[in-house]
């Protein structure tokens, strides 16, 4: 299974002379910026990229609302990214929001503040469109165009599944399963307490995820994908931890592989330690110490 990070990979055509484009991916856990220069023949060169942990979906009560402090963090991050993009001159910015904003009853508060305070129009995209864009990002990042793929993207609030072959998306699903959503439901002590993991909570989380995934496995498994590709921060972190356990010095995460048994070992590691102990695990990003338990269980069950 390869672990990659990817964001929006389509830059719209423009009648303006500027060759510069910026894409901002507003996720439940983090926000990503990519600034690129579009070539004469449609390809693009990445000029800079940034990622910021915003936790937009945290504290929103099953993602039904964006908490006021989360909106503040999101607008502050969006403002900083707009300034980075503007430093390249005349840049067209495309910003899309996913699960946390998509599900929030007060999404318009965030969208309006983004427009007024940063000058950015935020488009809320569907789960299917999110999966389609992730698939295009995978095709840019890895030489897998000739294979039938299962693409899995674990976010903070949702997980996208897509079966693709070539540039075609054969079938896609978006599930309300994510690292932040599952953490707040099953592991609140990791966020608010000492970070110890309750074994019963692990079993409850596994059973819940397994039941939710059952229809997806039935519907998508019949397509018989040749290769499973996992994207986003959860997968990248697990790949880094697996590589560290093997003693591999990995500098580029695109295309890194790990086995099912290595994934199970990561689950055992993170699930048996407190937050302070998890911080010492090689390959684990300190900013994911709280949500990696739920994220790893989710990927393990997938």
C-alpha atoms as a PDB file:
ATOM      1  CA  UNK A   1       0.000   0.000   0.000  1.00  0.00           C
ATOM      2  CA  UNK A   2       1.492   3.328  -0.997  1.00  0.00           C
ATOM      3  CA  UNK A   3       1.089   6.421   1.102  1.00  0.00           C
ATOM      4  CA  UNK A   4       0.921   9.779  -0.596  1.00  0.00           C
ATOM      5  CA  UNK A   5      -0.213  13.296   0.119  1.00  0.00           C
ATOM      6  CA  UNK A   6      -2.182  15.118  -2.483  1.00  0.00           C
ATOM      7  CA  UNK A   7      -4.575  17.993  -2.776  1.00  0.00           C
ATOM      8  CA  UNK A   8      -6.541  19.569  -5.561  1.00  0.00           C
ATOM      9  CA  UNK A   9      -4.731  18.844  -8.816  1.00  0.00           C
ATOM     10  CA  UNK A  10      -6.864  20.668 -11.372  1.00  0.00           C
ATOM     11  CA  UNK A  11      -6.211  24.313 -12.100  1.00  0.00           C
ATOM     12  CA  UNK A  12      -8.939  26.034 -14.134  1.00  0.00           C
ATOM     13  CA  UNK A  13      -8.187  27.646 -17.443  1.00  0.00           C
ATOM     14  CA  UNK A  14      -8.078  31.414 -17.315  1.00  0.00           C
ATOM     15  CA  UNK A  15      -8.291  34.122 -19.919  1.00  0.00           C
ATOM     16  CA  UNK A  16      -5.927  36.283 -17.880  1.00  0.00           C
ATOM     17  CA  UNK A  17      -2.257  36.524 -18.726  1.00  0.00           C
ATOM     18  CA  UNK A  18      -0.945  35.360 -15.348  1.00  0.00           C
ATOM     19  CA  UNK A  19       0.384  31.782 -15.429  1.00  0.00           C
ATOM     20  CA  UNK A  20       0.165  31.435 -11.642  1.00  0.00           C
ATOM     21  CA  UNK A  21      -2.516  29.452  -9.797  1.00  0.00           C
ATOM     22  CA  UNK A  22      -3.066  28.619  -6.159  1.00  0.00           C
ATOM     23  CA  UNK A  23      -5.181  25.814  -4.692  1.00  0.00           C
ATOM     24  CA  UNK A  24      -6.276  25.672  -1.061  1.00  0.00           C
ATOM     25  CA  UNK A  25      -7.736  22.471   0.378  1.00  0.00           C
ATOM     26  CA  UNK A  26      -9.758  23.247   3.518  1.00  0.00           C
ATOM     27  CA  UNK A  27      -9.995  19.944   5.357  1.00  0.00           C
ATOM     28  CA  UNK A  28     -11.402  18.889   8.697  1.00  0.00           C
ATOM     29  CA  UNK A  29      -7.970  18.460  10.264  1.00  0.00           C
ATOM     30  CA  UNK A  30      -5.617  20.536   8.152  1.00  0.00           C
ATOM     31  CA  UNK A  31      -5.448  23.152   5.447  1.00  0.00           C
ATOM     32  CA  UNK A  32      -3.154  22.821   2.423  1.00  0.00           C
ATOM     33  CA  UNK A  33      -1.889  25.421  -0.023  1.00  0.00           C
ATOM     34  CA  UNK A  34      -0.195  24.740  -3.346  1.00  0.00           C
ATOM     35  CA  UNK A  35       1.015  27.512  -5.660  1.00  0.00           C
ATOM     36  CA  UNK A  36       1.940  26.496  -9.186  1.00  0.00           C
ATOM     37  CA  UNK A  37       2.972  27.955 -12.508  1.00  0.00           C
ATOM     38  CA  UNK A  38       0.970  26.625 -15.442  1.00  0.00           C
ATOM     39  CA  UNK A  39       3.002  25.823 -18.549  1.00  0.00           C
ATOM     40  CA  UNK A  40       2.118  26.511 -22.158  1.00  0.00           C
ATOM     41  CA  UNK A  41       0.957  22.935 -22.686  1.00  0.00           C
ATOM     42  CA  UNK A  42      -1.167  22.615 -19.556  1.00  0.00           C
ATOM     43  CA  UNK A  43       1.355  21.043 -17.163  1.00  0.00           C
ATOM     44  CA  UNK A  44       2.329  22.837 -14.009  1.00  0.00           C
ATOM     45  CA  UNK A  45       5.377  23.436 -11.839  1.00  0.00           C
ATOM     46  CA  UNK A  46       4.881  23.501  -8.062  1.00  0.00           C
ATOM     47  CA  UNK A  47       6.415  26.704  -6.699  1.00  0.00           C
ATOM     48  CA  UNK A  48       5.546  26.309  -3.029  1.00  0.00           C
ATOM     49  CA  UNK A  49       3.296  24.322  -0.737  1.00  0.00           C
ATOM     50  CA  UNK A  50       2.241  24.750   2.856  1.00  0.00           C
ATOM     51  CA  UNK A  51       0.255  22.728   5.362  1.00  0.00           C
ATOM     52  CA  UNK A  52      -1.239  23.906   8.623  1.00  0.00           C
ATOM     53  CA  UNK A  53      -3.068  21.882  11.270  1.00  0.00           C
ATOM     54  CA  UNK A  54      -6.242  23.868  11.891  1.00  0.00           C
ATOM     55  CA  UNK A  55      -8.603  21.257  13.395  1.00  0.00           C
ATOM     56  CA  UNK A  56     -11.576  22.989  11.788  1.00  0.00           C
ATOM     57  CA  UNK A  57     -13.865  20.091  12.701  1.00  0.00           C
ATOM     58  CA  UNK A  58     -12.784  19.761  16.328  1.00  0.00           C
ATOM     59  CA  UNK A  59     -15.290  20.422  19.108  1.00  0.00           C
ATOM     60  CA  UNK A  60     -18.207  20.715  16.712  1.00  0.00           C
ATOM     61  CA  UNK A  61     -20.349  17.915  18.166  1.00  0.00           C
ATOM     62  CA  UNK A  62     -20.417  15.243  15.438  1.00  0.00           C
ATOM     63  CA  UNK A  63     -19.466  17.930  12.922  1.00  0.00           C
ATOM     64  CA  UNK A  64     -22.927  19.486  13.049  1.00  0.00           C
ATOM     65  CA  UNK A  65     -21.470  22.927  13.669  1.00  0.00           C
ATOM     66  CA  UNK A  66     -18.140  24.665  13.310  1.00  0.00           C
ATOM     67  CA  UNK A  67     -17.051  25.867  16.749  1.00  0.00           C
ATOM     68  CA  UNK A  68     -16.357  29.628  16.953  1.00  0.00           C
ATOM     69  CA  UNK A  69     -12.688  29.119  17.858  1.00  0.00           C
ATOM     70  CA  UNK A  70     -12.309  26.621  14.998  1.00  0.00           C
ATOM     71  CA  UNK A  71     -13.712  29.195  12.559  1.00  0.00           C
ATOM     72  CA  UNK A  72     -11.240  31.748  13.914  1.00  0.00           C
ATOM     73  CA  UNK A  73      -8.337  29.335  13.377  1.00  0.00           C
ATOM     74  CA  UNK A  74      -9.553  28.539   9.876  1.00  0.00           C
ATOM     75  CA  UNK A  75      -9.886  32.180   8.833  1.00  0.00           C
ATOM     76  CA  UNK A  76      -6.462  33.014  10.289  1.00  0.00           C
ATOM     77  CA  UNK A  77      -4.846  30.151   8.350  1.00  0.00           C
ATOM     78  CA  UNK A  78      -6.718  31.064   5.174  1.00  0.00           C
ATOM     79  CA  UNK A  79      -5.555  34.670   5.496  1.00  0.00           C
ATOM     80  CA  UNK A  80      -1.926  33.608   5.884  1.00  0.00           C
ATOM     81  CA  UNK A  81      -2.160  31.331   2.854  1.00  0.00           C
ATOM     82  CA  UNK A  82      -3.755  34.061   0.774  1.00  0.00           C
ATOM     83  CA  UNK A  83      -0.774  36.291   1.565  1.00  0.00           C
ATOM     84  CA  UNK A  84       1.677  33.549   0.577  1.00  0.00           C
ATOM     85  CA  UNK A  85      -0.143  33.104  -2.733  1.00  0.00           C
ATOM     86  CA  UNK A  86      -0.257  36.862  -3.326  1.00  0.00           C
ATOM     87  CA  UNK A  87       3.522  37.075  -2.866  1.00  0.00           C
ATOM     88  CA  UNK A  88       3.858  35.507  -6.324  1.00  0.00           C
ATOM     89  CA  UNK A  89       1.987  38.405  -7.903  1.00  0.00           C
ATOM     90  CA  UNK A  90      -1.239  38.029  -9.852  1.00  0.00           C
ATOM     91  CA  UNK A  91      -2.458  34.611  -8.679  1.00  0.00           C
ATOM     92  CA  UNK A  92      -5.847  33.012  -9.208  1.00  0.00           C
ATOM     93  CA  UNK A  93      -6.891  31.166  -6.027  1.00  0.00           C
ATOM     94  CA  UNK A  94      -9.222  28.176  -5.978  1.00  0.00           C
ATOM     95  CA  UNK A  95     -10.320  27.113  -2.483  1.00  0.00           C
ATOM     96  CA  UNK A  96     -12.424  24.046  -1.724  1.00  0.00           C
ATOM     97  CA  UNK A  97     -13.827  22.860   1.602  1.00  0.00           C
ATOM     98  CA  UNK A  98     -14.634  19.275   2.508  1.00  0.00           C
ATOM     99  CA  UNK A  99     -16.295  17.327   5.321  1.00  0.00           C
ATOM    100  CA  UNK A 100     -16.233  19.731   8.299  1.00  0.00           C
ATOM    101  CA  UNK A 101     -17.604  22.678   6.324  1.00  0.00           C
ATOM    102  CA  UNK A 102     -19.814  20.481   4.143  1.00  0.00           C
ATOM    103  CA  UNK A 103     -21.716  19.094   7.136  1.00  0.00           C
ATOM    104  CA  UNK A 104     -21.857  22.190   9.345  1.00  0.00           C
ATOM    105  CA  UNK A 105     -25.182  23.951   9.732  1.00  0.00           C
ATOM    106  CA  UNK A 106     -23.289  27.241  10.150  1.00  0.00           C
ATOM    107  CA  UNK A 107     -21.062  26.763   7.090  1.00  0.00           C
ATOM    108  CA  UNK A 108     -22.196  30.108   5.674  1.00  0.00           C
ATOM    109  CA  UNK A 109     -20.601  31.900   8.651  1.00  0.00           C
ATOM    110  CA  UNK A 110     -17.213  30.508   7.639  1.00  0.00           C
ATOM    111  CA  UNK A 111     -17.750  31.064   3.911  1.00  0.00           C
ATOM    112  CA  UNK A 112     -18.854  34.672   4.408  1.00  0.00           C
ATOM    113  CA  UNK A 113     -15.980  35.477   6.753  1.00  0.00           C
ATOM    114  CA  UNK A 114     -13.540  33.933   4.285  1.00  0.00           C
ATOM    115  CA  UNK A 115     -14.901  36.134   1.485  1.00  0.00           C
ATOM    116  CA  UNK A 116     -14.943  39.346   3.528  1.00  0.00           C
ATOM    117  CA  UNK A 117     -11.729  38.922   5.546  1.00  0.00           C
ATOM    118  CA  UNK A 118      -9.474  37.143   3.036  1.00  0.00           C
ATOM    119  CA  UNK A 119     -11.058  37.869  -0.339  1.00  0.00           C
ATOM    120  CA  UNK A 120     -11.322  34.141  -1.087  1.00  0.00           C
ATOM    121  CA  UNK A 121     -14.490  32.490  -2.361  1.00  0.00           C
ATOM    122  CA  UNK A 122     -14.691  29.036  -0.808  1.00  0.00           C
ATOM    123  CA  UNK A 123     -16.452  26.280  -2.743  1.00  0.00           C
ATOM    124  CA  UNK A 124     -17.885  23.395  -0.710  1.00  0.00           C
ATOM    125  CA  UNK A 125     -17.471  20.193  -2.689  1.00  0.00           C
ATOM    126  CA  UNK A 126     -19.311  16.886  -2.438  1.00  0.00           C
ATOM    127  CA  UNK A 127     -17.718  13.672  -1.219  1.00  0.00           C
ATOM    128  CA  UNK A 128     -17.753  12.303  -4.767  1.00  0.00           C
ATOM    129  CA  UNK A 129     -15.987  15.381  -6.148  1.00  0.00           C
ATOM    130  CA  UNK A 130     -13.456  15.162  -3.323  1.00  0.00           C
ATOM    131  CA  UNK A 131     -12.719  11.535  -4.237  1.00  0.00           C
ATOM    132  CA  UNK A 132     -12.430  12.432  -7.937  1.00  0.00           C
ATOM    133  CA  UNK A 133      -9.884  15.162  -7.242  1.00  0.00           C
ATOM    134  CA  UNK A 134      -7.888  12.872  -4.939  1.00  0.00           C
ATOM    135  CA  UNK A 135      -7.784  10.286  -7.737  1.00  0.00           C
ATOM    136  CA  UNK A 136      -6.390  12.892 -10.141  1.00  0.00           C
ATOM    137  CA  UNK A 137      -3.778  13.813  -7.535  1.00  0.00           C
ATOM    138  CA  UNK A 138      -2.765  10.159  -7.249  1.00  0.00           C
ATOM    139  CA  UNK A 139      -2.312   9.921 -11.029  1.00  0.00           C
ATOM    140  CA  UNK A 140      -0.027  12.987 -10.882  1.00  0.00           C
ATOM    141  CA  UNK A 141       2.022  11.546  -8.027  1.00  0.00           C
ATOM    142  CA  UNK A 142       2.463   7.875  -8.929  1.00  0.00           C
ATOM    143  CA  UNK A 143       2.970   5.850 -12.153  1.00  0.00           C
ATOM    144  CA  UNK A 144      -0.268   3.869 -11.762  1.00  0.00           C
ATOM    145  CA  UNK A 145      -2.296   5.024 -14.777  1.00  0.00           C
ATOM    146  CA  UNK A 146      -2.464   1.492 -16.225  1.00  0.00           C
ATOM    147  CA  UNK A 147      -3.796  -0.179 -13.067  1.00  0.00           C
ATOM    148  CA  UNK A 148      -7.238  -0.526 -11.532  1.00  0.00           C
ATOM    149  CA  UNK A 149      -6.957   1.314  -8.229  1.00  0.00           C
ATOM    150  CA  UNK A 150      -8.679   1.474  -4.903  1.00  0.00           C
ATOM    151  CA  UNK A 151      -7.904   4.958  -3.595  1.00  0.00           C
ATOM    152  CA  UNK A 152      -8.590   5.595   0.096  1.00  0.00           C
ATOM    153  CA  UNK A 153      -8.285   9.045   1.640  1.00  0.00           C
ATOM    154  CA  UNK A 154      -8.727   9.237   5.418  1.00  0.00           C
ATOM    155  CA  UNK A 155      -9.542  12.751   6.546  1.00  0.00           C
ATOM    156  CA  UNK A 156     -10.515  14.218   9.872  1.00  0.00           C
ATOM    157  CA  UNK A 157     -14.243  13.994   9.241  1.00  0.00           C
ATOM    158  CA  UNK A 158     -14.735  11.646   6.308  1.00  0.00           C
ATOM    159  CA  UNK A 159     -13.056   8.921   4.307  1.00  0.00           C
ATOM    160  CA  UNK A 160     -13.300   8.814   0.533  1.00  0.00           C
ATOM    161  CA  UNK A 161     -13.124   5.590  -1.469  1.00  0.00           C
ATOM    162  CA  UNK A 162     -12.713   5.501  -5.231  1.00  0.00           C
ATOM    163  CA  UNK A 163     -12.265   2.743  -7.783  1.00  0.00           C
ATOM    164  CA  UNK A 164     -10.450   4.190 -10.787  1.00  0.00           C
ATOM    165  CA  UNK A 165      -8.778   3.010 -13.944  1.00  0.00           C
ATOM    166  CA  UNK A 166      -6.801   5.393 -16.099  1.00  0.00           C
ATOM    167  CA  UNK A 167      -8.397   8.827 -15.760  1.00  0.00           C
ATOM    168  CA  UNK A 168     -11.855   7.330 -15.188  1.00  0.00           C
ATOM    169  CA  UNK A 169     -13.573   7.183 -11.817  1.00  0.00           C
ATOM    170  CA  UNK A 170     -15.587   3.955 -11.922  1.00  0.00           C
ATOM    171  CA  UNK A 171     -17.268   4.240  -8.548  1.00  0.00           C
ATOM    172  CA  UNK A 172     -16.824   6.354  -5.425  1.00  0.00           C
ATOM    173  CA  UNK A 173     -18.132   6.558  -1.870  1.00  0.00           C
ATOM    174  CA  UNK A 174     -17.743   9.098   0.921  1.00  0.00           C
ATOM    175  CA  UNK A 175     -18.229   7.835   4.474  1.00  0.00           C
ATOM    176  CA  UNK A 176     -18.636   9.835   7.672  1.00  0.00           C
ATOM    177  CA  UNK A 177     -15.595   8.122   9.170  1.00  0.00           C
ATOM    178  CA  UNK A 178     -12.569  10.222  10.026  1.00  0.00           C
ATOM    179  CA  UNK A 179      -9.701  10.469  12.487  1.00  0.00           C
ATOM    180  CA  UNK A 180     -11.095  13.460  14.387  1.00  0.00           C
ATOM    181  CA  UNK A 181     -14.703  12.249  14.292  1.00  0.00           C
ATOM    182  CA  UNK A 182     -13.766   8.807  15.666  1.00  0.00           C
ATOM    183  CA  UNK A 183     -11.372  10.258  18.251  1.00  0.00           C
ATOM    184  CA  UNK A 184     -14.022  12.536  19.724  1.00  0.00           C
ATOM    185  CA  UNK A 185     -16.542   9.687  19.790  1.00  0.00           C
ATOM    186  CA  UNK A 186     -14.420   6.845  21.164  1.00  0.00           C
ATOM    187  CA  UNK A 187     -11.253   8.364  22.646  1.00  0.00           C
ATOM    188  CA  UNK A 188     -12.163  11.671  24.338  1.00  0.00           C
ATOM    189  CA  UNK A 189      -9.596  11.015  27.090  1.00  0.00           C
ATOM    190  CA  UNK A 190      -6.807  11.231  24.520  1.00  0.00           C
ATOM    191  CA  UNK A 191      -7.824  14.827  23.832  1.00  0.00           C
ATOM    192  CA  UNK A 192      -8.884  15.965  27.296  1.00  0.00           C
ATOM    193  CA  UNK A 193      -7.157  13.558  29.689  1.00  0.00           C
ATOM    194  CA  UNK A 194      -3.812  11.837  30.093  1.00  0.00           C
ATOM    195  CA  UNK A 195      -3.890  10.306  26.646  1.00  0.00           C
ATOM    196  CA  UNK A 196      -4.215   6.699  27.822  1.00  0.00           C
ATOM    197  CA  UNK A 197      -6.178   4.418  25.490  1.00  0.00           C
ATOM    198  CA  UNK A 198      -8.977   2.269  26.889  1.00  0.00           C
ATOM    199  CA  UNK A 199      -8.973  -1.262  25.423  1.00  0.00           C
ATOM    200  CA  UNK A 200     -12.764  -1.404  25.456  1.00  0.00           C
ATOM    201  CA  UNK A 201     -12.876   1.810  23.452  1.00  0.00           C
ATOM    202  CA  UNK A 202     -10.534   0.270  20.869  1.00  0.00           C
ATOM    203  CA  UNK A 203     -12.879  -2.701  20.483  1.00  0.00           C
ATOM    204  CA  UNK A 204     -15.917  -0.417  20.286  1.00  0.00           C
ATOM    205  CA  UNK A 205     -14.232   1.709  17.635  1.00  0.00           C
ATOM    206  CA  UNK A 206     -13.251  -1.349  15.598  1.00  0.00           C
ATOM    207  CA  UNK A 207     -16.768  -2.792  15.711  1.00  0.00           C
ATOM    208  CA  UNK A 208     -18.322   0.530  14.745  1.00  0.00           C
ATOM    209  CA  UNK A 209     -15.941   1.013  11.808  1.00  0.00           C
ATOM    210  CA  UNK A 210     -16.321  -2.590  10.661  1.00  0.00           C
ATOM    211  CA  UNK A 211     -20.122  -2.304  10.601  1.00  0.00           C
ATOM    212  CA  UNK A 212     -19.976   1.000   8.715  1.00  0.00           C
ATOM    213  CA  UNK A 213     -17.548  -0.400   6.134  1.00  0.00           C
ATOM    214  CA  UNK A 214     -19.474  -3.595   5.433  1.00  0.00           C
ATOM    215  CA  UNK A 215     -21.685  -2.226   2.619  1.00  0.00           C
ATOM    216  CA  UNK A 216     -18.756  -0.342   1.061  1.00  0.00           C
ATOM    217  CA  UNK A 217     -16.632  -3.500   0.972  1.00  0.00           C
ATOM    218  CA  UNK A 218     -19.488  -5.355  -0.684  1.00  0.00           C
ATOM    219  CA  UNK A 219     -20.136  -2.637  -3.278  1.00  0.00           C
ATOM    220  CA  UNK A 220     -16.536  -1.802  -4.197  1.00  0.00           C
ATOM    221  CA  UNK A 221     -14.827  -5.171  -3.709  1.00  0.00           C
ATOM    222  CA  UNK A 222     -16.471  -6.602  -6.810  1.00  0.00           C
ATOM    223  CA  UNK A 223     -14.430  -4.268  -8.987  1.00  0.00           C
ATOM    224  CA  UNK A 224     -11.310  -6.255  -8.030  1.00  0.00           C
ATOM    225  CA  UNK A 225      -8.731  -3.444  -7.797  1.00  0.00           C
ATOM    226  CA  UNK A 226      -5.099  -4.397  -8.399  1.00  0.00           C
ATOM    227  CA  UNK A 227      -3.528  -1.827  -6.106  1.00  0.00           C
ATOM    228  CA  UNK A 228      -4.618  -0.025  -2.928  1.00  0.00           C
ATOM    229  CA  UNK A 229      -3.378   3.519  -2.471  1.00  0.00           C
ATOM    230  CA  UNK A 230      -3.844   5.469   0.754  1.00  0.00           C
ATOM    231  CA  UNK A 231      -3.467   9.233   0.809  1.00  0.00           C
ATOM    232  CA  UNK A 232      -3.491  12.009   3.413  1.00  0.00           C
ATOM    233  CA  UNK A 233      -1.796  12.587   6.749  1.00  0.00           C
ATOM    234  CA  UNK A 234      -2.939   9.442   8.550  1.00  0.00           C
ATOM    235  CA  UNK A 235      -1.543   7.180   5.819  1.00  0.00           C
ATOM    236  CA  UNK A 236       1.657   9.202   5.509  1.00  0.00           C
ATOM    237  CA  UNK A 237       2.234   9.000   9.257  1.00  0.00           C
ATOM    238  CA  UNK A 238       1.683   5.232   9.322  1.00  0.00           C
ATOM    239  CA  UNK A 239       4.013   4.808   6.340  1.00  0.00           C
ATOM    240  CA  UNK A 240       6.679   6.868   8.137  1.00  0.00           C
ATOM    241  CA  UNK A 241       6.305   4.803  11.313  1.00  0.00           C
ATOM    242  CA  UNK A 242       6.489   1.522   9.390  1.00  0.00           C
ATOM    243  CA  UNK A 243       9.576   2.728   7.521  1.00  0.00           C
ATOM    244  CA  UNK A 244      11.218   3.795  10.783  1.00  0.00           C
ATOM    245  CA  UNK A 245      10.544   0.365  12.295  1.00  0.00           C
ATOM    246  CA  UNK A 246      12.276  -1.215   9.275  1.00  0.00           C
ATOM    247  CA  UNK A 247      15.216   1.145   9.677  1.00  0.00           C
ATOM    248  CA  UNK A 248      14.550   2.848   6.336  1.00  0.00           C
ATOM    249  CA  UNK A 249      15.574   6.476   5.907  1.00  0.00           C
ATOM    250  CA  UNK A 250      12.688   7.803   3.788  1.00  0.00           C
ATOM    251  CA  UNK A 251      12.894  11.352   2.485  1.00  0.00           C
ATOM    252  CA  UNK A 252      10.075  11.260  -0.077  1.00  0.00           C
ATOM    253  CA  UNK A 253       6.797   9.685   1.011  1.00  0.00           C
ATOM    254  CA  UNK A 254       5.200   9.232  -2.423  1.00  0.00           C
ATOM    255  CA  UNK A 255       5.160   5.540  -3.248  1.00  0.00           C
ATOM    256  CA  UNK A 256       6.264   4.275   0.170  1.00  0.00           C
ATOM    257  CA  UNK A 257       4.765   0.844   0.823  1.00  0.00           C
ATOM    258  CA  UNK A 258       3.843  -0.949   4.019  1.00  0.00           C
ATOM    259  CA  UNK A 259       2.278  -4.321   4.662  1.00  0.00           C
ATOM    260  CA  UNK A 260      -0.899  -5.239   6.523  1.00  0.00           C
ATOM    261  CA  UNK A 261       1.190  -6.727   9.336  1.00  0.00           C
ATOM    262  CA  UNK A 262       3.231  -3.512   9.624  1.00  0.00           C
ATOM    263  CA  UNK A 263      -0.006  -1.554   9.859  1.00  0.00           C
ATOM    264  CA  UNK A 264      -1.246  -3.856  12.624  1.00  0.00           C
ATOM    265  CA  UNK A 265       2.025  -3.300  14.483  1.00  0.00           C
ATOM    266  CA  UNK A 266       1.509   0.464  14.310  1.00  0.00           C
ATOM    267  CA  UNK A 267      -2.013   0.046  15.715  1.00  0.00           C
ATOM    268  CA  UNK A 268      -0.617  -2.019  18.595  1.00  0.00           C
ATOM    269  CA  UNK A 269       2.080   0.578  19.245  1.00  0.00           C
ATOM    270  CA  UNK A 270      -0.126   3.650  19.351  1.00  0.00           C
ATOM    271  CA  UNK A 271      -2.957   1.878  21.155  1.00  0.00           C
ATOM    272  CA  UNK A 272      -0.827   0.689  24.067  1.00  0.00           C
ATOM    273  CA  UNK A 273       0.764   3.997  25.037  1.00  0.00           C
ATOM    274  CA  UNK A 274      -0.161   7.316  26.622  1.00  0.00           C
ATOM    275  CA  UNK A 275       0.101  10.594  24.735  1.00  0.00           C
ATOM    276  CA  UNK A 276       3.525  11.371  26.208  1.00  0.00           C
ATOM    277  CA  UNK A 277       4.758   7.909  25.221  1.00  0.00           C
ATOM    278  CA  UNK A 278       3.336   8.197  21.710  1.00  0.00           C
ATOM    279  CA  UNK A 279       5.233  11.449  21.200  1.00  0.00           C
ATOM    280  CA  UNK A 280       8.470   9.450  21.437  1.00  0.00           C
ATOM    281  CA  UNK A 281       7.531   7.012  18.664  1.00  0.00           C
ATOM    282  CA  UNK A 282       9.759   7.428  15.637  1.00  0.00           C
ATOM    283  CA  UNK A 283       7.938   8.622  12.535  1.00  0.00           C
ATOM    284  CA  UNK A 284       4.875   9.909  14.416  1.00  0.00           C
ATOM    285  CA  UNK A 285       4.115  13.585  13.865  1.00  0.00           C
ATOM    286  CA  UNK A 286       3.612  15.158  17.298  1.00  0.00           C
ATOM    287  CA  UNK A 287       0.564  17.023  15.993  1.00  0.00           C
ATOM    288  CA  UNK A 288      -1.160  13.681  15.333  1.00  0.00           C
ATOM    289  CA  UNK A 289      -0.504  12.100  18.717  1.00  0.00           C
ATOM    290  CA  UNK A 290      -4.176  12.342  19.693  1.00  0.00           C
ATOM    291  CA  UNK A 291      -5.889  11.327  16.429  1.00  0.00           C
ATOM    292  CA  UNK A 292      -3.482   8.651  15.174  1.00  0.00           C
ATOM    293  CA  UNK A 293      -5.092   5.894  17.273  1.00  0.00           C
ATOM    294  CA  UNK A 294      -8.479   6.276  15.600  1.00  0.00           C
ATOM    295  CA  UNK A 295      -6.889   6.883  12.192  1.00  0.00           C
ATOM    296  CA  UNK A 296      -4.733   3.763  12.399  1.00  0.00           C
ATOM    297  CA  UNK A 297      -7.679   1.602  13.515  1.00  0.00           C
ATOM    298  CA  UNK A 298      -9.728   2.947  10.609  1.00  0.00           C
ATOM    299  CA  UNK A 299      -7.059   2.177   8.022  1.00  0.00           C
ATOM    300  CA  UNK A 300      -6.461  -1.243   9.594  1.00  0.00           C
ATOM    301  CA  UNK A 301     -10.144  -2.115   9.257  1.00  0.00           C
ATOM    302  CA  UNK A 302     -10.242  -0.813   5.667  1.00  0.00           C
END
